[in-house]
C-alpha atoms as a PDB file:
ATOM      1  CA  MET A   1       0.180  -0.068   0.070  1.00  0.00           C
ATOM      2  CA  LYS A   2       1.290   3.331  -1.115  1.00  0.00           C
ATOM      3  CA  ARG A   3       1.398   5.961   1.602  1.00  0.00           C
ATOM      4  CA  ALA A   4       0.402   9.526   0.897  1.00  0.00           C
ATOM      5  CA  PRO A   5       3.207  12.088   1.246  1.00  0.00           C
ATOM      6  CA  ALA A   6       3.794  13.694   4.823  1.00  0.00           C
ATOM      7  CA  VAL A   7       1.997  16.967   4.978  1.00  0.00           C
ATOM      8  CA  ARG A   8       4.271  19.671   6.660  1.00  0.00           C
ATOM      9  CA  LEU A   9       2.287  21.993   8.867  1.00  0.00           C
ATOM     10  CA  SER A  10       3.193  25.361   8.825  1.00  0.00           C
ATOM     11  CA  PRO A  11       3.498  27.379  12.347  1.00  0.00           C
ATOM     12  CA  LYS A  12       0.383  29.284  13.131  1.00  0.00           C
ATOM     13  CA  PRO A  13       0.692  32.872  12.334  1.00  0.00           C
ATOM     14  CA  LEU A  14       1.809  35.124  15.009  1.00  0.00           C
ATOM     15  CA  THR A  15      -0.873  37.666  16.312  1.00  0.00           C
ATOM     16  CA  GLU A  16      -0.328  41.154  17.884  1.00  0.00           C
ATOM     17  CA  ASP A  17      -0.882  39.584  21.057  1.00  0.00           C
ATOM     18  CA  ASP A  18       1.969  37.108  20.864  1.00  0.00           C
ATOM     19  CA  ILE A  19       4.426  40.056  20.074  1.00  0.00           C
ATOM     20  CA  PHE A  20       3.167  41.699  23.093  1.00  0.00           C
ATOM     21  CA  THR A  21       3.617  38.422  25.275  1.00  0.00           C
ATOM     22  CA  ALA A  22       7.146  38.180  23.433  1.00  0.00           C
ATOM     23  CA  LEU A  23       8.150  41.846  24.652  1.00  0.00           C
ATOM     24  CA  ARG A  24       6.996  41.138  28.201  1.00  0.00           C
ATOM     25  CA  ASP A  25      10.434  39.362  28.498  1.00  0.00           C
ATOM     26  CA  CYS A  26      12.217  42.867  27.598  1.00  0.00           C
ATOM     27  CA  PHE A  27      12.944  45.088  30.707  1.00  0.00           C
ATOM     28  CA  ASP A  28      13.856  48.421  31.445  1.00  0.00           C
ATOM     29  CA  PRO A  29      17.311  47.991  33.201  1.00  0.00           C
ATOM     30  CA  GLU A  30      16.660  50.906  35.552  1.00  0.00           C
ATOM     31  CA  VAL A  31      13.072  50.522  36.482  1.00  0.00           C
ATOM     32  CA  LYS A  32      13.308  46.732  36.340  1.00  0.00           C
ATOM     33  CA  LEU A  33       9.745  46.649  34.675  1.00  0.00           C
ATOM     34  CA  ASN A  34       9.019  44.947  31.279  1.00  0.00           C
ATOM     35  CA  LEU A  35       8.616  47.515  28.601  1.00  0.00           C
ATOM     36  CA  VAL A  36       4.867  46.531  27.755  1.00  0.00           C
ATOM     37  CA  ASP A  37       3.594  47.123  31.457  1.00  0.00           C
ATOM     38  CA  LEU A  38       5.974  50.226  31.716  1.00  0.00           C
ATOM     39  CA  GLY A  39       3.721  51.706  28.658  1.00  0.00           C
ATOM     40  CA  LEU A  40       6.837  51.969  26.403  1.00  0.00           C
ATOM     41  CA  ILE A  41       5.267  49.707  23.588  1.00  0.00           C
ATOM     42  CA  TYR A  42       3.004  52.161  21.608  1.00  0.00           C
ATOM     43  CA  SER A  43       1.826  49.723  18.772  1.00  0.00           C
ATOM     44  CA  VAL A  44       2.606  46.377  16.994  1.00  0.00           C
ATOM     45  CA  ALA A  45       2.038  45.568  13.487  1.00  0.00           C
ATOM     46  CA  VAL A  46       2.254  41.874  11.886  1.00  0.00           C
ATOM     47  CA  GLU A  47       2.055  41.046   8.255  1.00  0.00           C
ATOM     48  CA  PRO A  48       2.997  38.415   6.165  1.00  0.00           C
ATOM     49  CA  ASP A  49       6.168  38.463   4.507  1.00  0.00           C
ATOM     50  CA  PRO A  50       5.902  38.167   0.648  1.00  0.00           C
ATOM     51  CA  ASN A  51       9.283  37.259   0.269  1.00  0.00           C
ATOM     52  CA  SER A  52       9.520  34.003   2.710  1.00  0.00           C
ATOM     53  CA  THR A  53       9.575  30.703   1.364  1.00  0.00           C
ATOM     54  CA  PRO A  54       5.845  28.830   1.101  1.00  0.00           C
ATOM     55  CA  ALA A  55       7.155  25.983   3.175  1.00  0.00           C
ATOM     56  CA  LEU A  56       7.676  28.159   6.126  1.00  0.00           C
ATOM     57  CA  PRO A  57       5.553  31.300   6.090  1.00  0.00           C
ATOM     58  CA  ARG A  58       6.938  34.136   8.061  1.00  0.00           C
ATOM     59  CA  GLN A  59       6.000  37.523   8.757  1.00  0.00           C
ATOM     60  CA  ARG A  60       7.562  41.086   9.249  1.00  0.00           C
ATOM     61  CA  VAL A  61       6.937  42.830  12.591  1.00  0.00           C
ATOM     62  CA  LYS A  62       6.997  46.485  13.387  1.00  0.00           C
ATOM     63  CA  VAL A  63       6.926  47.812  17.055  1.00  0.00           C
ATOM     64  CA  GLN A  64       6.308  51.601  17.593  1.00  0.00           C
ATOM     65  CA  MET A  65       7.735  52.563  20.792  1.00  0.00           C
ATOM     66  CA  THR A  66       9.137  55.182  22.999  1.00  0.00           C
ATOM     67  CA  LEU A  67      11.523  55.792  26.032  1.00  0.00           C
ATOM     68  CA  THR A  68      10.900  57.300  29.550  1.00  0.00           C
ATOM     69  CA  THR A  69      13.052  60.232  28.246  1.00  0.00           C
ATOM     70  CA  PRO A  70      14.919  61.177  25.296  1.00  0.00           C
ATOM     71  CA  GLN A  71      18.115  61.175  27.203  1.00  0.00           C
ATOM     72  CA  CYS A  72      17.578  57.562  28.638  1.00  0.00           C
ATOM     73  CA  PRO A  73      21.038  55.830  29.205  1.00  0.00           C
ATOM     74  CA  ALA A  74      19.675  52.587  28.306  1.00  0.00           C
ATOM     75  CA  SER A  75      18.203  53.450  25.145  1.00  0.00           C
ATOM     76  CA  GLY A  76      20.720  51.146  23.496  1.00  0.00           C
ATOM     77  CA  LEU A  77      20.258  48.112  25.527  1.00  0.00           C
ATOM     78  CA  ILE A  78      16.522  48.412  25.222  1.00  0.00           C
ATOM     79  CA  PHE A  79      16.412  48.390  21.545  1.00  0.00           C
ATOM     80  CA  GLU A  80      18.779  45.510  21.379  1.00  0.00           C
ATOM     81  CA  GLN A  81      16.489  43.566  23.610  1.00  0.00           C
ATOM     82  CA  VAL A  82      13.407  44.298  21.553  1.00  0.00           C
ATOM     83  CA  ASN A  83      15.324  43.502  18.246  1.00  0.00           C
ATOM     84  CA  ASN A  84      16.874  40.067  19.662  1.00  0.00           C
ATOM     85  CA  ARG A  85      13.697  38.866  21.289  1.00  0.00           C
ATOM     86  CA  LEU A  86      11.718  39.028  18.300  1.00  0.00           C
ATOM     87  CA  ALA A  87      14.489  38.023  15.739  1.00  0.00           C
ATOM     88  CA  SER A  88      14.765  34.738  17.938  1.00  0.00           C
ATOM     89  CA  MET A  89      11.120  33.939  17.038  1.00  0.00           C
ATOM     90  CA  GLN A  90      10.983  31.177  14.166  1.00  0.00           C
ATOM     91  CA  GLN A  91       7.914  32.893  12.539  1.00  0.00           C
ATOM     92  CA  ILE A  92       9.781  36.286  12.211  1.00  0.00           C
ATOM     93  CA  SER A  93      11.515  37.291   9.312  1.00  0.00           C
ATOM     94  CA  LYS A  94      12.141  41.080   9.722  1.00  0.00           C
ATOM     95  CA  VAL A  95      11.795  43.253  12.872  1.00  0.00           C
ATOM     96  CA  GLU A  96      11.599  47.099  12.505  1.00  0.00           C
ATOM     97  CA  VAL A  97      11.616  49.252  15.641  1.00  0.00           C
ATOM     98  CA  ASP A  98      10.363  52.827  15.377  1.00  0.00           C
ATOM     99  CA  LEU A  99      11.240  55.254  18.108  1.00  0.00           C
ATOM    100  CA  VAL A 100       8.474  57.868  18.388  1.00  0.00           C
ATOM    101  CA  TRP A 101       8.082  60.766  21.051  1.00  0.00           C
ATOM    102  CA  GLU A 102       4.377  61.453  20.526  1.00  0.00           C
ATOM    103  CA  PRO A 103       2.512  60.711  22.801  1.00  0.00           C
ATOM    104  CA  LYS A 104       4.966  61.510  25.322  1.00  0.00           C
ATOM    105  CA  TRP A 105       5.494  58.907  28.087  1.00  0.00           C
ATOM    106  CA  THR A 106       4.364  59.407  31.522  1.00  0.00           C
ATOM    107  CA  PRO A 107       3.966  57.393  34.534  1.00  0.00           C
ATOM    108  CA  HIS A 108       0.060  57.163  33.647  1.00  0.00           C
ATOM    109  CA  LYS A 109       1.066  54.719  30.891  1.00  0.00           C
ATOM    110  CA  ILE A 110       2.076  52.032  33.269  1.00  0.00           C
ATOM    111  CA  SER A 111      -0.151  49.330  33.408  1.00  0.00           C
ATOM    112  CA  PRO A 112      -2.258  48.262  36.700  1.00  0.00           C
ATOM    113  CA  ASP A 113       0.022  44.801  36.714  1.00  0.00           C
ATOM    114  CA  GLY A 114       2.983  47.313  36.413  1.00  0.00           C
ATOM    115  CA  ARG A 115       2.030  49.569  39.277  1.00  0.00           C
ATOM    116  CA  LYS A 116       1.543  46.676  41.645  1.00  0.00           C
ATOM    117  CA  GLN A 117       4.902  45.436  40.762  1.00  0.00           C
ATOM    118  CA  LEU A 118       6.423  49.006  41.571  1.00  0.00           C
ATOM    119  CA  GLY A 119       4.361  49.291  44.510  1.00  0.00           C
ATOM    120  CA  ILE A 120       2.599  52.584  43.408  1.00  0.00           C
END
């Protein structure tokens, strides 16, 4: 009896929630709070990468974020964390991180979970 060829299942496409979850692994080293709960990640966009191979469809991710201050001494480390964390995900082919200053970050952007972790 002849077997049908094995069907290779592609990984499930990533969602914006998947990206926000991954970014919770990235921390501001001075505040010791993840970037999502700190309110530094403003938006995430996930779209198919038309240049990826059909056997492994991959996605491009664009992150729009800010920093607590334009003079943030940890800015390089923060961007490196974001890029490395997302680039480590098999489904992602390209990461683009845009730094924006509007709207300006304020402590009001810290999530309720973040406030609890900081004791405020």
